[in-house]
Every structure is written in C-alpha cells, then in structure tokens.
Amino acid sequence: MTFGEKLQSLRQKAGMSQDVLAEKLDVSRQAVSRWERNETMPETEKVILLADLFGVTTDYQLRPEVERQEPIRREKSNRFLTEHLGTLARILGWAAVAWGALDLLGILNIARVLWY
C-alpha cells in the first residue's frame, strides 16, 4: 500500500473530506488530492501532523508494505530458537533436580569419598 492509498484510507475512516483535511493542515485541497494520487509527497512537518492527526506512526505512513515472506522467515527462525532453547533449559533443569536429589540422599558424598 502506498503513502497515498494509506492517506486516503485513513482520511475516509476518519470521515473527513479532502477539504477538511486540507484546512487542518493549512494546504490546498489539490495538494491533498496529489498526495493521495502519489503525484507528490507532503513536507516532513505535514507527515508528522498527519501521523498525529490519524494516530499512526510516520513509519507506517512512509514505508510501503513489505511482502509477508520476510517476517514469516524471522518468525520461523525465532520459533526454532525458542523451541531448542526451551528444550535445553528443561534438560538442564532436570539435571539440576537430579543433582539435588542425589546430594540429599548422600550419594554424592559417598562418590566424593571414593573418588579421593
């Protein structure tokens, strides 16, 4: 989705005409129309005002939507790490429990005596 498409969508969702938006930003209705048709881009200060007006970030307004493939790849790699780190943590946890149980039973003390 382009800047213009996002702007038009946000404006319409707010129930605002191009004239009303233009008045709020102190620009002409034609300027708003050119922005929505992606013929021109507003000045930086106007982009900030638009973000504040519609409750979105400037990043959302300015970045074209990226294909969904990249976030899915990241999601899969994060899931892979999480699953494997979780498994490792469970193994280490059980090892600590076993060590503690053996220590409570005195088996480790016997092993230490025999070792030295």
Protein backbone atom coordinates (compact mmCIF):
# COMPACT_ATOMS: atom_id res chain seq x y z
CA MET A 1 0.00 0.00 0.00
CA THR A 2 1.44 3.37 -1.00
CA PHE A 3 1.53 6.56 1.02
CA GLY A 4 -1.39 7.95 -0.98
CA GLU A 5 -3.52 4.85 -0.51
CA LYS A 6 -2.85 4.87 3.23
CA LEU A 7 -3.64 8.58 3.48
CA GLN A 8 -6.90 8.19 1.58
CA SER A 9 -7.90 5.22 3.71
CA LEU A 10 -7.10 6.99 6.98
CA ARG A 11 -8.93 10.12 5.87
CA GLN A 12 -12.02 8.19 4.84
CA LYS A 13 -12.05 6.13 8.05
CA ALA A 14 -11.96 9.40 9.98
CA GLY A 15 -14.96 10.56 7.94
CA MET A 16 -13.02 13.54 6.67
CA SER A 17 -13.20 15.16 3.24
CA GLN A 18 -10.13 16.35 1.37
CA ASP A 19 -11.27 19.92 2.03
CA VAL A 20 -11.45 19.40 5.79
CA LEU A 21 -8.05 17.68 5.88
CA ALA A 22 -6.53 20.43 3.75
CA GLU A 23 -7.88 23.05 6.14
CA LYS A 24 -6.44 21.25 9.17
CA LEU A 25 -3.02 21.09 7.51
CA ASP A 26 -3.19 24.60 6.05
CA VAL A 27 -2.74 23.36 2.47
CA SER A 28 -4.99 23.31 -0.58
CA ARG A 29 -7.44 20.53 -1.35
CA GLN A 30 -5.48 19.96 -4.57
CA ALA A 31 -2.35 19.26 -2.52
CA VAL A 32 -4.19 16.56 -0.56
CA SER A 33 -5.52 15.15 -3.82
CA ARG A 34 -2.00 14.99 -5.32
CA TRP A 35 -0.71 13.22 -2.18
CA GLU A 36 -3.48 10.65 -2.39
CA ARG A 37 -2.71 10.02 -6.08
CA ASN A 38 1.02 9.66 -5.23
CA GLU A 39 1.89 12.51 -7.56
CA THR A 40 3.70 14.42 -4.81
CA MET A 41 4.70 13.89 -1.19
CA PRO A 42 3.98 16.27 1.66
CA GLU A 43 6.70 18.08 3.54
CA THR A 44 8.13 16.33 6.58
CA GLU A 45 6.25 18.58 9.00
CA LYS A 46 2.97 17.69 7.26
CA VAL A 47 3.74 13.97 7.51
CA ILE A 48 4.23 14.41 11.26
CA LEU A 49 0.95 16.35 11.54
CA LEU A 50 -0.85 13.60 9.59
CA ALA A 51 0.57 10.92 11.88
CA ASP A 52 -0.62 12.83 14.95
CA LEU A 53 -4.00 13.55 13.41
CA PHE A 54 -4.73 9.92 12.48
CA GLY A 55 -2.93 8.26 15.40
CA VAL A 56 -0.38 6.35 13.31
CA THR A 57 3.39 6.47 13.08
CA THR A 58 5.31 8.26 10.38
CA ASP A 59 6.99 4.92 9.73
CA TYR A 60 3.61 3.35 8.93
CA GLN A 61 2.77 6.21 6.59
CA LEU A 62 6.05 6.31 4.70
CA ARG A 63 7.05 2.67 4.38
CA PRO A 64 5.40 0.69 1.62
CA GLU A 65 4.01 -2.57 2.91
CA VAL A 66 6.64 -5.26 2.60
CA GLU A 67 5.80 -8.69 1.30
CA ARG A 68 4.83 -11.06 4.08
CA GLN A 69 7.68 -13.50 3.31
CA GLU A 70 10.44 -11.82 5.35
CA PRO A 71 8.55 -11.64 8.67
CA ILE A 72 7.48 -15.27 8.25
CA ARG A 73 11.12 -16.33 7.87
CA ARG A 74 12.06 -14.43 11.01
CA GLU A 75 9.11 -15.92 12.83
CA LYS A 76 10.21 -19.44 11.88
CA SER A 77 13.80 -18.86 12.99
CA ASN A 78 12.62 -17.34 16.28
CA ARG A 79 10.34 -20.31 16.86
CA PHE A 80 13.23 -22.70 16.10
CA LEU A 81 15.48 -20.97 18.64
CA THR A 82 12.75 -20.78 21.25
CA GLU A 83 11.89 -24.46 20.95
CA HIS A 84 15.51 -25.60 21.14
CA LEU A 85 16.48 -23.24 23.94
CA GLY A 86 13.37 -24.35 25.82
CA THR A 87 14.37 -27.99 25.44
CA LEU A 88 17.91 -27.25 26.63
CA ALA A 89 16.55 -25.34 29.62
CA ARG A 90 14.28 -28.28 30.54
CA ILE A 91 17.19 -30.74 30.32
CA LEU A 92 19.40 -28.52 32.47
CA GLY A 93 16.54 -28.07 34.92
CA TRP A 94 16.02 -31.79 35.29
CA ALA A 95 19.77 -32.31 35.63
CA ALA A 96 19.82 -29.80 38.49
CA VAL A 97 16.87 -31.55 40.14
CA ALA A 98 18.61 -34.93 39.81
CA TRP A 99 21.86 -33.49 41.20
CA GLY A 100 19.98 -32.03 44.14
CA ALA A 101 18.16 -35.30 44.83
CA LEU A 102 21.41 -37.28 44.74
CA ASP A 103 23.02 -34.75 47.07
CA LEU A 104 20.11 -35.04 49.51
CA LEU A 105 20.40 -38.79 49.50
CA GLY A 106 24.10 -38.55 50.29
CA ILE A 107 25.13 -40.45 47.19
CA LEU A 108 27.33 -37.60 46.02
CA ASN A 109 29.18 -37.52 49.36
CA ILE A 110 29.89 -41.25 49.04
CA ALA A 111 31.14 -40.72 45.50
CA ARG A 112 33.40 -37.86 46.64
CA VAL A 113 34.89 -40.01 49.39
CA LEU A 114 35.53 -42.85 46.96
CA TRP A 115 36.95 -40.53 44.35
CA TYR A 116 39.59 -39.01 46.65
